[in-house]
Protein backbone atom coordinates (compact mmCIF):
# COMPACT_ATOMS: atom_id res chain seq x y z
CA MET A 1 81.31 70.96 117.36
CA THR A 2 84.85 70.48 116.15
CA LYS A 3 88.21 69.62 117.65
CA ASN A 4 91.66 68.79 116.33
CA THR A 5 91.31 70.42 112.90
CA ASN A 6 94.58 71.10 111.10
CA ALA A 7 95.06 74.48 109.40
CA SER A 8 97.84 76.23 107.50
CA HIS A 9 98.25 80.00 108.03
CA VAL A 10 100.21 82.71 106.20
CA VAL A 11 102.16 84.41 108.99
CA PHE A 12 104.51 87.40 109.08
CA THR A 13 107.09 86.15 111.57
CA ALA A 14 109.37 89.21 111.33
CA PRO A 15 109.81 92.22 109.03
CA LEU A 16 109.95 91.03 105.40
CA GLN A 17 109.57 87.41 106.55
CA VAL A 18 106.56 85.41 105.28
CA GLU A 19 106.06 81.79 106.36
CA ILE A 20 103.38 79.10 106.08
CA LEU A 21 102.77 77.71 109.57
CA ASP A 22 100.68 74.65 110.38
CA ARG A 23 98.46 74.79 113.45
CA ASN A 24 95.89 72.62 115.14
CA ILE A 25 92.47 74.08 116.08
CA GLN A 26 91.80 72.39 119.40
CA ARG A 27 88.59 73.90 120.63
CA ASP A 28 84.86 73.71 120.13
CA LEU A 29 82.95 76.41 118.30
CA ALA A 30 81.34 79.08 120.48
CA PRO A 31 77.56 79.36 119.95
CA ASN A 32 77.89 82.34 117.55
CA GLU A 33 80.91 81.11 115.57
CA ILE A 34 81.36 79.37 112.24
CA MET A 35 84.23 77.32 110.88
CA VAL A 36 85.20 78.12 107.29
CA ARG A 37 87.36 76.41 104.67
CA THR A 38 89.02 79.05 102.50
CA THR A 39 88.68 78.98 98.70
CA ARG A 40 90.01 82.43 97.77
CA THR A 41 91.74 85.36 99.48
CA LEU A 42 92.91 88.78 98.32
CA ILE A 43 96.10 90.39 99.63
CA SER A 44 95.44 93.85 101.04
CA THR A 45 98.29 95.79 99.50
CA GLY A 46 98.00 98.64 102.01
CA THR A 47 97.75 97.23 105.51
CA GLU A 48 99.49 93.94 104.85
CA LEU A 49 102.53 95.44 103.14
CA THR A 50 102.83 98.12 105.83
CA VAL A 51 102.85 95.42 108.51
CA LEU A 52 105.27 93.28 106.50
CA ARG A 53 107.75 96.13 106.08
CA GLY A 54 107.59 96.73 109.84
CA LYS A 55 108.82 100.32 109.85
CA HIS A 56 106.37 101.55 112.48
CA THR A 57 106.86 104.60 114.66
CA PRO A 58 107.45 103.43 118.26
CA GLY A 59 104.34 104.04 120.36
CA SER A 60 102.06 104.46 117.34
CA VAL A 61 98.84 102.52 116.79
CA TRP A 62 100.62 100.55 114.06
CA HIS A 63 103.35 99.59 116.53
CA LYS A 64 100.86 98.56 119.24
CA LEU A 65 98.46 96.55 117.08
CA PHE A 66 100.72 94.71 114.65
CA GLU A 67 103.23 92.65 116.54
CA TYR A 68 105.07 89.65 115.12
CA PRO A 69 104.14 86.92 114.52
CA TRP A 70 101.05 88.33 112.76
CA ASP A 71 98.44 86.25 110.95
CA ALA A 72 98.09 87.96 107.58
CA GLY A 73 94.92 88.66 105.66
CA TYR A 74 91.34 89.85 106.11
CA CYS A 75 89.78 89.49 102.63
CA ASN A 76 88.47 85.92 102.59
CA VAL A 77 86.01 83.80 100.63
CA GLY A 78 85.22 80.29 101.81
CA ILE A 79 82.76 77.50 102.49
CA VAL A 80 81.14 76.97 105.89
CA LEU A 81 82.23 73.67 107.43
CA GLU A 82 80.38 73.87 110.75
CA VAL A 83 78.20 76.32 112.68
CA GLY A 84 77.82 77.04 116.39
CA SER A 85 74.66 76.14 118.26
CA ALA A 86 73.21 79.69 118.13
CA VAL A 87 74.08 80.51 114.50
CA THR A 88 70.99 81.23 112.39
CA GLU A 89 72.38 83.03 109.31
CA PHE A 90 74.50 80.20 107.91
CA ARG A 91 74.41 76.50 107.24
CA LYS A 92 77.09 73.97 106.40
CA GLY A 93 78.04 74.36 102.73
CA ASP A 94 77.19 78.09 102.46
CA ARG A 95 79.63 80.30 100.55
CA VAL A 96 80.66 83.30 102.64
CA SER A 97 82.71 86.48 102.44
CA SER A 98 84.47 87.38 105.68
CA THR A 99 87.37 89.13 107.37
CA GLY A 100 89.05 85.76 107.87
CA PRO A 101 92.83 85.39 107.41
CA HIS A 102 94.96 83.72 104.77
CA ALA A 103 94.44 80.22 106.18
CA THR A 104 93.12 76.88 104.96
CA VAL A 105 90.59 76.70 107.81
CA PHE A 106 89.62 79.23 110.49
CA ILE A 107 86.94 80.09 113.04
CA ILE A 108 85.17 83.45 112.98
CA SER A 109 82.11 85.13 114.49
CA GLU A 110 79.02 84.90 112.30
CA ASN A 111 78.82 88.72 112.57
CA ASP A 112 82.06 89.00 110.57
CA ALA A 113 80.77 86.99 107.62
CA LEU A 114 78.17 87.42 104.88
CA LEU A 115 76.39 84.98 102.60
CA ILE A 116 77.46 85.26 98.94
CA ASN A 117 74.69 84.94 96.37
CA ASP A 118 75.18 82.83 93.26
CA GLY A 119 75.42 85.95 91.09
CA VAL A 120 78.72 87.00 92.70
CA SER A 121 81.95 85.19 91.83
CA ASP A 122 84.62 84.25 94.36
CA ASP A 123 86.97 86.76 92.72
CA GLU A 124 84.54 89.67 93.15
CA ALA A 125 83.61 88.61 96.69
CA ALA A 126 87.27 88.59 97.71
CA PHE A 127 87.29 92.40 97.36
CA ALA A 128 84.38 92.90 99.80
CA THR A 129 86.44 94.11 102.76
CA ILE A 130 88.33 96.55 100.52
CA ALA A 131 84.98 97.95 99.36
CA GLN A 132 83.77 98.24 102.95
CA ILE A 133 86.83 100.30 103.90
CA VAL A 134 86.40 102.70 100.99
CA MET A 135 82.65 103.11 101.47
CA GLN A 136 83.24 104.71 104.86
CA GLY A 137 85.40 107.38 103.20
CA ILE A 138 82.87 107.94 100.41
CA ARG A 139 80.00 108.36 102.88
CA LEU A 140 81.90 110.75 105.16
CA ALA A 141 82.99 112.83 102.14
CA ASP A 142 79.28 113.54 101.54
CA ILE A 143 79.77 114.08 97.81
CA LYS A 144 77.02 116.04 96.09
CA LEU A 145 76.03 115.37 92.48
CA GLY A 146 78.57 117.06 90.20
CA GLU A 147 81.24 117.77 92.80
CA ASN A 148 84.72 117.04 91.53
CA SER A 149 86.95 114.60 93.40
CA VAL A 150 90.68 113.89 93.35
CA VAL A 151 91.91 110.44 94.34
CA CYS A 152 95.55 110.56 95.38
CA GLY A 153 97.02 107.05 95.19
CA LEU A 154 95.65 104.39 92.85
CA GLY A 155 96.32 101.12 94.63
CA LEU A 156 93.39 98.85 95.45
CA LEU A 157 91.76 101.34 97.83
CA GLY A 158 92.31 104.16 95.36
CA GLN A 159 90.79 102.21 92.48
CA PHE A 160 87.69 101.50 94.57
CA THR A 161 87.55 105.16 95.62
CA VAL A 162 87.49 106.19 91.96
CA GLY A 163 84.71 103.75 91.11
CA LEU A 164 82.53 104.50 94.12
CA ALA A 165 83.00 108.27 93.85
CA ARG A 166 81.64 108.02 90.30
CA HIS A 167 78.83 105.82 91.60
CA VAL A 168 77.61 108.56 93.97
CA GLY A 169 77.80 111.33 91.36
CA ALA A 170 81.27 112.87 91.53
CA TRP A 171 82.44 114.51 88.29
CA PRO A 172 85.11 114.83 87.16
CA VAL A 173 87.03 112.18 89.09
CA ILE A 174 90.76 112.81 88.79
CA GLY A 175 93.26 110.04 89.61
CA VAL A 176 96.82 110.67 90.78
CA ASP A 177 99.62 108.11 90.88
CA LEU A 178 103.28 107.79 89.96
CA GLU A 179 102.69 104.61 87.96
CA GLU A 180 101.20 104.76 84.47
CA PHE A 181 99.90 101.19 84.87
CA ARG A 182 97.74 102.21 87.83
CA ARG A 183 96.57 105.36 86.09
CA GLU A 184 95.36 103.26 83.14
CA LYS A 185 93.46 100.95 85.51
CA ALA A 186 91.79 103.99 87.10
CA LEU A 187 90.43 105.07 83.70
CA HIS A 188 88.69 101.69 83.45
CA MET A 189 87.28 102.18 86.95
CA GLY A 190 85.69 105.50 85.99
CA ALA A 191 88.34 108.21 86.30
CA SER A 192 87.91 111.00 83.78
CA ILE A 193 91.47 112.34 84.04
CA VAL A 194 94.66 110.71 85.34
CA ALA A 195 98.16 112.09 85.77
CA GLY A 196 101.26 112.06 87.93
CA PRO A 197 101.58 114.27 91.01
CA ASN A 198 103.88 116.83 89.41
CA GLU A 199 101.22 117.79 86.85
CA MET A 200 98.26 117.66 89.18
CA SER A 201 97.91 121.26 90.42
CA GLY A 202 97.59 122.58 86.88
CA ILE A 203 95.21 119.81 85.82
CA ILE A 204 92.89 120.38 88.78
CA ALA A 205 92.92 124.15 88.24
CA LYS A 206 92.09 123.75 84.55
CA SER A 207 89.31 121.23 85.27
CA THR A 208 87.65 123.39 87.92
CA ASN A 209 88.05 126.94 86.54
CA ASP A 210 90.76 127.52 89.17
CA ARG A 211 88.39 126.64 92.02
CA MET A 212 90.42 123.45 92.85
CA ALA A 213 89.03 120.20 94.24
CA ASP A 214 85.80 119.88 96.18
CA VAL A 215 87.09 116.64 97.73
CA VAL A 216 90.57 115.15 97.86
CA PHE A 217 90.91 111.53 98.96
CA GLU A 218 94.32 110.61 100.37
CA VAL A 219 94.86 106.92 99.56
CA THR A 220 98.65 106.59 99.27
CA GLY A 221 99.37 105.92 102.93
CA SER A 222 102.50 108.05 102.59
CA PRO A 223 102.97 110.80 105.22
CA GLN A 224 105.14 112.74 102.75
CA VAL A 225 102.28 113.07 100.25
CA ILE A 226 99.76 114.67 102.61
CA PRO A 227 101.04 118.31 102.50
CA THR A 228 101.04 118.33 98.69
CA ALA A 229 97.57 116.77 98.44
CA LEU A 230 96.20 119.36 100.88
CA GLU A 231 97.20 122.10 98.43
CA TRP A 232 94.72 120.71 95.88
CA VAL A 233 91.67 121.31 98.09
CA ARG A 234 89.50 124.33 97.28
CA ARG A 235 88.44 126.90 99.84
CA LEU A 236 86.04 125.17 102.30
CA GLY A 237 86.71 121.86 100.55
CA ARG A 238 87.17 118.42 102.16
CA PHE A 239 90.27 116.29 102.63
CA VAL A 240 89.44 112.66 103.39
CA MET A 241 91.97 110.25 104.87
CA VAL A 242 91.03 106.84 103.49
CA SER A 243 94.54 105.46 103.87
CA SER A 244 96.27 104.75 107.18
CA PRO A 245 99.68 106.44 106.95
CA SER A 246 102.47 105.01 109.05
CA GLY A 247 104.57 107.78 110.57
CA PRO A 248 104.27 111.53 111.21
CA THR A 249 103.75 114.24 108.63
CA THR A 250 104.46 117.98 108.71
CA VAL A 251 101.63 120.34 107.77
CA ASP A 252 101.42 124.14 107.91
CA PHE A 253 97.96 124.17 109.47
CA HIS A 254 97.52 127.90 109.03
CA ASP A 255 98.21 128.05 105.31
CA GLN A 256 96.87 124.65 104.27
CA VAL A 257 93.94 124.22 106.64
CA ASN A 258 92.88 127.23 108.68
CA ALA A 259 93.28 129.92 106.02
CA LYS A 260 91.19 127.96 103.50
CA GLY A 261 88.70 126.46 105.95
CA THR A 262 89.70 122.95 104.86
CA VAL A 263 87.68 120.19 106.50
CA ILE A 264 89.87 117.18 107.34
CA ILE A 265 87.99 113.90 107.71
CA GLY A 266 89.41 110.73 109.21
CA ALA A 267 87.68 107.77 107.55
CA HIS A 268 89.18 104.71 109.21
CA ASN A 269 87.17 101.54 108.68
CA TYR A 270 86.51 101.16 112.39
CA THR A 271 84.72 104.51 112.55
CA HIS A 272 81.72 102.82 110.94
CA ALA A 273 78.58 102.79 113.07
CA SER A 274 78.88 99.89 115.53
CA VAL A 275 75.16 99.09 115.30
CA PRO A 276 72.59 100.22 112.71
CA ASN A 277 70.26 102.99 113.85
CA GLU A 278 67.85 105.57 112.45
CA TYR A 279 70.63 108.12 111.94
CA ASN A 280 73.26 105.81 110.47
CA ARG A 281 72.54 102.27 109.39
CA TRP A 282 75.83 101.87 107.53
CA THR A 283 77.79 99.44 109.66
CA ARG A 284 80.77 97.57 108.23
CA LYS A 285 78.56 94.56 107.60
CA VAL A 286 75.85 96.58 105.85
CA ASP A 287 78.40 98.32 103.62
CA THR A 288 79.91 94.95 102.71
CA GLN A 289 76.47 93.65 101.85
CA TYR A 290 75.82 96.70 99.66
CA TYR A 291 79.04 96.05 97.72
CA LEU A 292 77.95 92.46 97.04
CA GLN A 293 74.57 93.78 95.85
CA LEU A 294 76.26 96.24 93.47
CA VAL A 295 78.34 93.42 92.00
CA GLU A 296 75.33 91.14 91.60
CA ALA A 297 73.41 93.94 89.86
CA GLY A 298 76.27 94.53 87.44
CA LEU A 299 76.86 98.06 88.73
CA PHE A 300 80.42 97.50 89.97
CA THR A 301 83.21 95.11 89.06
CA ALA A 302 86.63 94.55 90.59
CA GLN A 303 87.65 91.64 88.37
CA LYS A 304 89.69 93.94 86.12
CA LEU A 305 91.92 94.86 89.07
CA ILE A 306 93.32 91.33 89.42
CA THR A 307 96.84 91.16 87.99
CA HIS A 308 98.32 88.02 89.60
CA ARG A 309 97.23 84.67 91.03
CA PHE A 310 99.24 82.37 93.27
CA SER A 311 98.56 79.08 94.98
CA TRP A 312 98.31 79.67 98.73
CA ASP A 313 101.48 77.69 99.41
CA ASP A 314 103.36 80.15 97.17
CA ALA A 315 102.26 83.10 99.35
CA PRO A 316 105.87 84.21 100.06
CA LYS A 317 106.36 84.66 96.30
CA ALA A 318 103.13 86.68 96.11
CA TYR A 319 104.37 89.17 98.71
CA GLU A 320 107.75 89.34 97.01
CA GLN A 321 105.94 90.26 93.80
CA LEU A 322 104.04 93.05 95.55
CA LEU A 323 107.11 94.43 97.29
CA ASN A 324 109.33 94.44 94.23
CA ASP A 325 107.06 95.25 91.27
CA ARG A 326 104.65 98.09 92.02
CA SER A 327 104.58 99.09 88.37
CA SER A 328 102.56 96.06 87.19
CA THR A 329 101.05 94.51 90.32
CA LEU A 330 97.70 95.44 91.85
CA GLY A 331 95.15 92.79 92.84
CA VAL A 332 96.90 89.60 93.99
CA ILE A 333 94.68 86.56 94.59
CA LEU A 334 95.67 83.49 96.62
CA GLU A 335 93.82 80.37 95.51
CA TRP A 336 93.07 77.72 98.13
CA ASN A 337 91.21 75.04 96.18
C-alpha cells in the first residue's frame, strides 16, 4: 500500500488555461486498484480541446460533466508501481495501457487498464482509447463487405474511422476534411478518395452511380456540419455520430431523415456493453484489447499519425500548438520518461 506519493498533473484551470499542478496522493490503494507511473500519453484532440475551449451550452452534458479545474487526458501508457490486495491481472513492473490522465503518477481501477505485450510500442499503445471510441461506431454502423463509407472529419478519430472501416470491408472509403494535410494522412490510413466538403456531393455521386453513401460517419464534432453530411446519405442509409458535438444543430428532419428513411446512430463510447454477454461481448475493455492485438499482428498502425512530441512539462505549449495550427498538427504525444 502507498501513501504520500507526489504527482504532477496537467490541469485545465479555466477556458484556454493549462497548468501543471503538483499534488500529493495521500491514501492507500483500494483492493482492485493499481498505481501507475506514466511513460507516454496522447492528447485527445476532440474531447480535450472542446473542454479547453469551454464554449459549452448551459445545461448540456458537456457543461455538467466538464467543470474547471479538470484533469486532462485519458490516453495513457505507463508502468505499474503497486497493486491492490485483490488485483490478479497485473504485477509491479507491468506495462499497461489505460484511461489514466496526463500525470506523472496516478491510481486507477484494474478494470480500466490492459497489459501491453512486447510487440506493441508505447506510441501505438497510447492510441488505444481512441481506437476503442471509434470501434463502437464501426460496430454499430454494421458495415457489410463492399458498402461505401464517407468519413466526415479527419482528425484522430476520423483517421481511425477510415482505417477500421477499411478493416471491416468498406469500399470505397471517402475522407472529407478542410485541411489537405489531414486528407493526405487519410490516404495512408486506407482512404480511397479524399476531398474538401464543397466537392463532396459530386464525388460521392460519381463513386456510387448516384446512389450516395451507404454510411456516413460524422467525426468533426461541429454542429454546423451535420445538416450537410446528412445530405450525403443514400436512401435507407446510415448516419453514425462518432464525434460528440458541443451545441445544438438545425436539421430538417422531414427532408433529410424521414423522407429518405435515414437511420441515425449515436455511437458514444459509453454506449459499449457494460459487461460481455452472448449477444454482445464488445465492452470498452475488449475493444481496446482487440486494437492492441491488431497492432501486434501488424494489421493496424497509428505511428504515422504522430506529428509532434513534447516533454510533459511543456504541455501548455502542446495545447497551444493544437489550438493554433490545425493544418499540420494531428497526433501529439507527451513524453514522461
